[in-house]
Amino acid sequence: MDEVFAFGDFLLDERELLLRRGGVTVPLPPKPFAVLALLVRRPERLVRRNELLRLAWPDTTVSDATLSQTIWRIRTALTVDGDLHDPIQTVARVGYRFVAPVRRLQRDEPSPD
């Protein structure tokens, strides 16, 4: 987990645990950041709820409500000036899919910021 991803106006840096938009850091707590990173790493792929729970909360039992709240926090972070940039598609009672085009950037590659 040491990659940089670009989608829309956003840049997600796994090593630095940063989500940025236009060079400005977007606050995102650790678990929502981890779930967003899991989804971004699998663009266009349905990631099932149980897989997200297992990967984001290993060795911990959490409810589906916790995952729903985490997705809500991600969506809130991706809201810009009241305009939701929602690249996360919900597949009811099954999981989530990251639907925005994603680019993996090299560490030395200039960001779209």
N, C-alpha and C. Protein backbone atom coordinates (compact mmCIF):
# COMPACT_ATOMS: atom_id res chain seq x y z
N MET A 1 0.83 -1.19 0.00
CA MET A 1 0.00 0.00 0.00
C MET A 1 0.87 1.25 0.00
N ASP A 2 1.38 1.54 -1.14
CA ASP A 2 2.27 2.70 -1.22
C ASP A 2 2.08 3.37 -2.57
N GLU A 3 0.84 3.47 -2.99
CA GLU A 3 0.58 4.01 -4.31
C GLU A 3 -0.15 5.34 -4.23
N VAL A 4 -0.16 6.02 -5.36
CA VAL A 4 -0.88 7.28 -5.50
C VAL A 4 -1.89 7.08 -6.62
N PHE A 5 -3.13 7.48 -6.35
CA PHE A 5 -4.21 7.32 -7.32
C PHE A 5 -4.84 8.68 -7.58
N ALA A 6 -5.23 8.92 -8.82
CA ALA A 6 -5.94 10.13 -9.19
C ALA A 6 -7.30 9.74 -9.74
N PHE A 7 -8.33 10.45 -9.30
CA PHE A 7 -9.68 10.28 -9.85
C PHE A 7 -10.39 11.63 -9.74
N GLY A 8 -10.99 12.05 -10.84
CA GLY A 8 -11.61 13.37 -10.86
C GLY A 8 -10.59 14.42 -10.47
N ASP A 9 -10.98 15.30 -9.55
CA ASP A 9 -10.08 16.34 -9.04
C ASP A 9 -9.30 15.88 -7.81
N PHE A 10 -9.41 14.60 -7.48
CA PHE A 10 -8.85 14.09 -6.24
C PHE A 10 -7.56 13.30 -6.47
N LEU A 11 -6.74 13.32 -5.43
CA LEU A 11 -5.51 12.55 -5.39
C LEU A 11 -5.50 11.81 -4.06
N LEU A 12 -5.30 10.50 -4.10
CA LEU A 12 -5.25 9.68 -2.90
C LEU A 12 -3.84 9.11 -2.79
N ASP A 13 -3.16 9.47 -1.73
CA ASP A 13 -1.78 9.04 -1.50
C ASP A 13 -1.77 8.08 -0.32
N GLU A 14 -1.59 6.79 -0.60
CA GLU A 14 -1.63 5.77 0.45
C GLU A 14 -0.50 5.91 1.46
N ARG A 15 0.70 6.19 0.98
CA ARG A 15 1.85 6.27 1.90
C ARG A 15 1.68 7.42 2.88
N GLU A 16 1.21 8.54 2.39
CA GLU A 16 1.05 9.72 3.24
C GLU A 16 -0.32 9.77 3.92
N LEU A 17 -1.20 8.81 3.59
CA LEU A 17 -2.57 8.78 4.12
C LEU A 17 -3.27 10.11 3.90
N LEU A 18 -3.16 10.59 2.65
CA LEU A 18 -3.73 11.89 2.29
C LEU A 18 -4.72 11.77 1.15
N LEU A 19 -5.81 12.48 1.30
CA LEU A 19 -6.74 12.71 0.20
C LEU A 19 -6.68 14.19 -0.07
N ARG A 20 -6.42 14.56 -1.33
CA ARG A 20 -6.31 15.98 -1.67
C ARG A 20 -7.19 16.29 -2.87
N ARG A 21 -7.66 17.52 -2.90
CA ARG A 21 -8.38 18.03 -4.05
C ARG A 21 -7.80 19.39 -4.37
N GLY A 22 -7.28 19.52 -5.58
CA GLY A 22 -6.68 20.79 -5.98
C GLY A 22 -5.56 21.24 -5.07
N GLY A 23 -4.79 20.29 -4.55
CA GLY A 23 -3.67 20.63 -3.68
C GLY A 23 -4.06 20.88 -2.23
N VAL A 24 -5.35 20.82 -1.93
CA VAL A 24 -5.83 21.05 -0.57
C VAL A 24 -6.18 19.71 0.06
N THR A 25 -5.69 19.49 1.27
CA THR A 25 -5.97 18.25 1.98
C THR A 25 -7.44 18.19 2.38
N VAL A 26 -8.05 17.06 2.10
CA VAL A 26 -9.44 16.80 2.49
C VAL A 26 -9.39 15.88 3.71
N PRO A 27 -9.88 16.34 4.85
CA PRO A 27 -9.80 15.50 6.05
C PRO A 27 -10.63 14.23 5.90
N LEU A 28 -10.02 13.12 6.24
CA LEU A 28 -10.71 11.83 6.19
C LEU A 28 -10.10 10.94 7.26
N PRO A 29 -10.91 10.49 8.24
CA PRO A 29 -10.38 9.62 9.30
C PRO A 29 -9.79 8.33 8.73
N PRO A 30 -8.98 7.62 9.52
CA PRO A 30 -8.25 6.45 9.03
C PRO A 30 -9.12 5.34 8.42
N LYS A 31 -10.20 4.95 9.06
CA LYS A 31 -11.01 3.85 8.50
C LYS A 31 -11.69 4.24 7.20
N PRO A 32 -12.34 5.41 7.11
CA PRO A 32 -12.88 5.80 5.81
C PRO A 32 -11.79 5.91 4.73
N PHE A 33 -10.61 6.40 5.11
CA PHE A 33 -9.51 6.46 4.15
C PHE A 33 -9.17 5.05 3.66
N ALA A 34 -9.08 4.11 4.58
CA ALA A 34 -8.73 2.73 4.22
C ALA A 34 -9.78 2.11 3.30
N VAL A 35 -11.06 2.35 3.59
CA VAL A 35 -12.13 1.80 2.74
C VAL A 35 -12.09 2.46 1.36
N LEU A 36 -11.89 3.78 1.31
CA LEU A 36 -11.77 4.45 0.02
C LEU A 36 -10.60 3.88 -0.77
N ALA A 37 -9.48 3.68 -0.12
CA ALA A 37 -8.31 3.11 -0.81
C ALA A 37 -8.61 1.72 -1.34
N LEU A 38 -9.33 0.90 -0.57
CA LEU A 38 -9.70 -0.44 -1.04
C LEU A 38 -10.57 -0.35 -2.29
N LEU A 39 -11.51 0.57 -2.30
CA LEU A 39 -12.39 0.71 -3.47
C LEU A 39 -11.64 1.26 -4.68
N VAL A 40 -10.78 2.25 -4.44
CA VAL A 40 -10.02 2.87 -5.53
C VAL A 40 -9.07 1.86 -6.18
N ARG A 41 -8.54 0.95 -5.38
CA ARG A 41 -7.63 -0.08 -5.91
C ARG A 41 -8.35 -1.09 -6.81
N ARG A 42 -9.68 -1.10 -6.74
CA ARG A 42 -10.48 -2.06 -7.51
C ARG A 42 -11.53 -1.33 -8.36
N PRO A 43 -11.12 -0.40 -9.19
CA PRO A 43 -12.12 0.37 -9.94
C PRO A 43 -12.98 -0.54 -10.82
N GLU A 44 -14.26 -0.17 -10.90
CA GLU A 44 -15.25 -0.88 -11.71
C GLU A 44 -15.55 -2.29 -11.22
N ARG A 45 -14.98 -2.69 -10.10
CA ARG A 45 -15.22 -4.03 -9.56
C ARG A 45 -16.14 -3.94 -8.35
N LEU A 46 -17.13 -4.81 -8.30
CA LEU A 46 -18.00 -4.88 -7.14
C LEU A 46 -17.20 -5.45 -5.97
N VAL A 47 -17.14 -4.68 -4.89
CA VAL A 47 -16.47 -5.14 -3.68
C VAL A 47 -17.59 -5.42 -2.68
N ARG A 48 -17.73 -6.66 -2.31
CA ARG A 48 -18.82 -7.09 -1.44
C ARG A 48 -18.62 -6.57 -0.02
N ARG A 49 -19.74 -6.33 0.64
CA ARG A 49 -19.72 -5.79 1.99
C ARG A 49 -18.84 -6.64 2.92
N ASN A 50 -19.00 -7.97 2.85
CA ASN A 50 -18.22 -8.82 3.76
C ASN A 50 -16.72 -8.72 3.47
N GLU A 51 -16.35 -8.51 2.21
CA GLU A 51 -14.93 -8.35 1.87
C GLU A 51 -14.40 -7.03 2.44
N LEU A 52 -15.18 -5.95 2.30
CA LEU A 52 -14.75 -4.67 2.86
C LEU A 52 -14.63 -4.75 4.38
N LEU A 53 -15.60 -5.40 5.01
CA LEU A 53 -15.54 -5.54 6.47
C LEU A 53 -14.31 -6.33 6.89
N ARG A 54 -14.03 -7.41 6.17
CA ARG A 54 -12.89 -8.27 6.50
C ARG A 54 -11.55 -7.55 6.30
N LEU A 55 -11.45 -6.78 5.21
CA LEU A 55 -10.19 -6.11 4.91
C LEU A 55 -9.96 -4.84 5.73
N ALA A 56 -11.01 -4.08 5.96
CA ALA A 56 -10.85 -2.82 6.68
C ALA A 56 -10.84 -2.99 8.20
N TRP A 57 -11.50 -4.05 8.68
CA TRP A 57 -11.57 -4.30 10.11
C TRP A 57 -11.14 -5.73 10.40
N PRO A 58 -9.89 -6.09 10.10
CA PRO A 58 -9.47 -7.48 10.34
C PRO A 58 -9.51 -7.79 11.84
N ASP A 59 -9.91 -8.99 12.15
CA ASP A 59 -9.95 -9.47 13.54
C ASP A 59 -10.89 -8.66 14.43
N THR A 60 -11.83 -7.95 13.82
CA THR A 60 -12.80 -7.16 14.58
C THR A 60 -14.18 -7.40 13.99
N THR A 61 -15.15 -7.56 14.84
CA THR A 61 -16.52 -7.70 14.37
C THR A 61 -17.18 -6.34 14.39
N VAL A 62 -17.63 -5.89 13.23
CA VAL A 62 -18.35 -4.62 13.13
C VAL A 62 -19.64 -4.87 12.37
N SER A 63 -20.58 -3.99 12.54
CA SER A 63 -21.88 -4.15 11.90
C SER A 63 -21.89 -3.56 10.50
N ASP A 64 -22.90 -3.94 9.74
CA ASP A 64 -23.10 -3.34 8.43
C ASP A 64 -23.34 -1.84 8.56
N ALA A 65 -23.95 -1.44 9.68
CA ALA A 65 -24.19 -0.01 9.92
C ALA A 65 -22.88 0.76 10.00
N THR A 66 -21.86 0.15 10.56
CA THR A 66 -20.54 0.79 10.64
C THR A 66 -19.99 1.03 9.24
N LEU A 67 -20.13 0.05 8.37
CA LEU A 67 -19.67 0.21 6.99
C LEU A 67 -20.49 1.29 6.28
N SER A 68 -21.80 1.29 6.47
CA SER A 68 -22.65 2.32 5.85
C SER A 68 -22.25 3.71 6.31
N GLN A 69 -21.97 3.86 7.59
CA GLN A 69 -21.52 5.15 8.14
C GLN A 69 -20.17 5.55 7.54
N THR A 70 -19.31 4.58 7.36
CA THR A 70 -17.99 4.84 6.77
C THR A 70 -18.13 5.33 5.33
N ILE A 71 -19.00 4.69 4.56
CA ILE A 71 -19.24 5.12 3.17
C ILE A 71 -19.83 6.52 3.17
N TRP A 72 -20.74 6.81 4.10
CA TRP A 72 -21.31 8.16 4.20
C TRP A 72 -20.20 9.18 4.45
N ARG A 73 -19.24 8.86 5.33
CA ARG A 73 -18.14 9.79 5.61
C ARG A 73 -17.28 10.02 4.37
N ILE A 74 -17.07 8.97 3.59
CA ILE A 74 -16.30 9.11 2.34
C ILE A 74 -17.06 10.04 1.39
N ARG A 75 -18.34 9.78 1.22
CA ARG A 75 -19.14 10.62 0.32
C ARG A 75 -19.15 12.08 0.79
N THR A 76 -19.20 12.29 2.08
CA THR A 76 -19.15 13.65 2.62
C THR A 76 -17.81 14.31 2.26
N ALA A 77 -16.73 13.57 2.38
CA ALA A 77 -15.40 14.10 2.05
C ALA A 77 -15.28 14.43 0.56
N LEU A 78 -16.01 13.71 -0.27
CA LEU A 78 -15.95 13.94 -1.71
C LEU A 78 -16.94 15.00 -2.18
N THR A 79 -17.64 15.62 -1.24
CA THR A 79 -18.56 16.70 -1.56
C THR A 79 -17.78 18.01 -1.60
N VAL A 80 -17.89 18.72 -2.71
CA VAL A 80 -17.14 19.96 -2.89
C VAL A 80 -18.13 21.09 -3.12
N ASP A 81 -18.09 22.10 -2.26
CA ASP A 81 -18.99 23.24 -2.38
C ASP A 81 -20.44 22.81 -2.55
N GLY A 82 -20.83 21.81 -1.77
CA GLY A 82 -22.21 21.31 -1.82
C GLY A 82 -22.49 20.42 -3.01
N ASP A 83 -21.48 20.19 -3.85
CA ASP A 83 -21.65 19.38 -5.05
C ASP A 83 -20.98 18.02 -4.81
N LEU A 84 -21.78 16.97 -4.73
CA LEU A 84 -21.26 15.65 -4.46
C LEU A 84 -20.57 15.07 -5.69
N HIS A 85 -19.32 14.72 -5.53
CA HIS A 85 -18.58 13.99 -6.55
C HIS A 85 -18.62 12.54 -6.06
N ASP A 86 -19.66 11.80 -6.46
CA ASP A 86 -19.88 10.47 -5.88
C ASP A 86 -19.49 9.37 -6.85
N PRO A 87 -18.27 8.92 -6.76
CA PRO A 87 -17.83 7.84 -7.63
C PRO A 87 -18.14 6.45 -7.07
N ILE A 88 -18.88 6.39 -5.94
CA ILE A 88 -19.16 5.11 -5.31
C ILE A 88 -20.60 4.70 -5.63
N GLN A 89 -20.73 3.60 -6.32
CA GLN A 89 -22.04 3.06 -6.64
C GLN A 89 -22.41 2.03 -5.57
N THR A 90 -23.60 2.16 -5.02
CA THR A 90 -24.09 1.19 -4.04
C THR A 90 -24.87 0.11 -4.76
N VAL A 91 -24.55 -1.13 -4.48
CA VAL A 91 -25.33 -2.26 -4.96
C VAL A 91 -26.05 -2.78 -3.71
N ALA A 92 -27.34 -2.46 -3.62
CA ALA A 92 -28.11 -2.68 -2.39
C ALA A 92 -27.92 -4.08 -1.81
N ARG A 93 -27.60 -4.10 -0.52
CA ARG A 93 -27.42 -5.31 0.28
C ARG A 93 -26.30 -6.23 -0.22
N VAL A 94 -25.48 -5.74 -1.17
CA VAL A 94 -24.40 -6.58 -1.70
C VAL A 94 -23.04 -5.94 -1.47
N GLY A 95 -22.85 -4.68 -1.92
CA GLY A 95 -21.54 -4.06 -1.78
C GLY A 95 -21.47 -2.73 -2.50
N TYR A 96 -20.25 -2.36 -2.88
CA TYR A 96 -19.99 -1.06 -3.48
C TYR A 96 -19.04 -1.22 -4.65
N ARG A 97 -19.13 -0.27 -5.59
CA ARG A 97 -18.27 -0.27 -6.76
C ARG A 97 -17.78 1.16 -6.97
N PHE A 98 -16.46 1.32 -7.18
CA PHE A 98 -15.88 2.63 -7.48
C PHE A 98 -15.96 2.81 -8.99
N VAL A 99 -16.75 3.79 -9.45
CA VAL A 99 -17.06 3.89 -10.88
C VAL A 99 -16.32 5.01 -11.61
N ALA A 100 -15.60 5.85 -10.91
CA ALA A 100 -14.85 6.92 -11.59
C ALA A 100 -13.58 6.34 -12.21
N PRO A 101 -13.14 6.91 -13.32
CA PRO A 101 -11.85 6.49 -13.88
C PRO A 101 -10.73 6.78 -12.88
N VAL A 102 -9.84 5.81 -12.73
CA VAL A 102 -8.74 5.92 -11.78
C VAL A 102 -7.43 5.79 -12.53
N ARG A 103 -6.48 6.68 -12.19
CA ARG A 103 -5.12 6.57 -12.73
C ARG A 103 -4.17 6.30 -11.58
N ARG A 104 -3.30 5.30 -11.77
CA ARG A 104 -2.22 5.07 -10.81
C ARG A 104 -1.06 5.95 -11.25
N LEU A 105 -0.54 6.73 -10.31
CA LEU A 105 0.56 7.63 -10.62
C LEU A 105 1.85 7.10 -10.02
N GLN A 106 2.94 7.36 -10.69
CA GLN A 106 4.25 7.07 -10.12
C GLN A 106 4.56 8.14 -9.09
N ARG A 107 5.34 7.80 -8.10
CA ARG A 107 5.67 8.76 -7.03
C ARG A 107 6.24 10.07 -7.59
N ASP A 108 7.03 9.99 -8.65
CA ASP A 108 7.68 11.19 -9.19
C ASP A 108 6.85 11.85 -10.29
N GLU A 109 5.69 11.28 -10.63
CA GLU A 109 4.85 11.84 -11.67
C GLU A 109 4.08 13.04 -11.10
N PRO A 110 3.99 14.12 -11.87
CA PRO A 110 3.23 15.27 -11.37
C PRO A 110 1.76 14.89 -11.19
N SER A 111 1.18 15.38 -10.11
CA SER A 111 -0.22 15.09 -9.83
C SER A 111 -1.11 16.02 -10.65
N PRO A 112 -2.40 15.65 -10.80
CA PRO A 112 -3.31 16.51 -11.54
C PRO A 112 -3.71 17.75 -10.75
N ASP A 113 -3.19 17.90 -9.51
CA ASP A 113 -3.47 19.09 -8.70
C ASP A 113 -2.96 20.30 -9.43
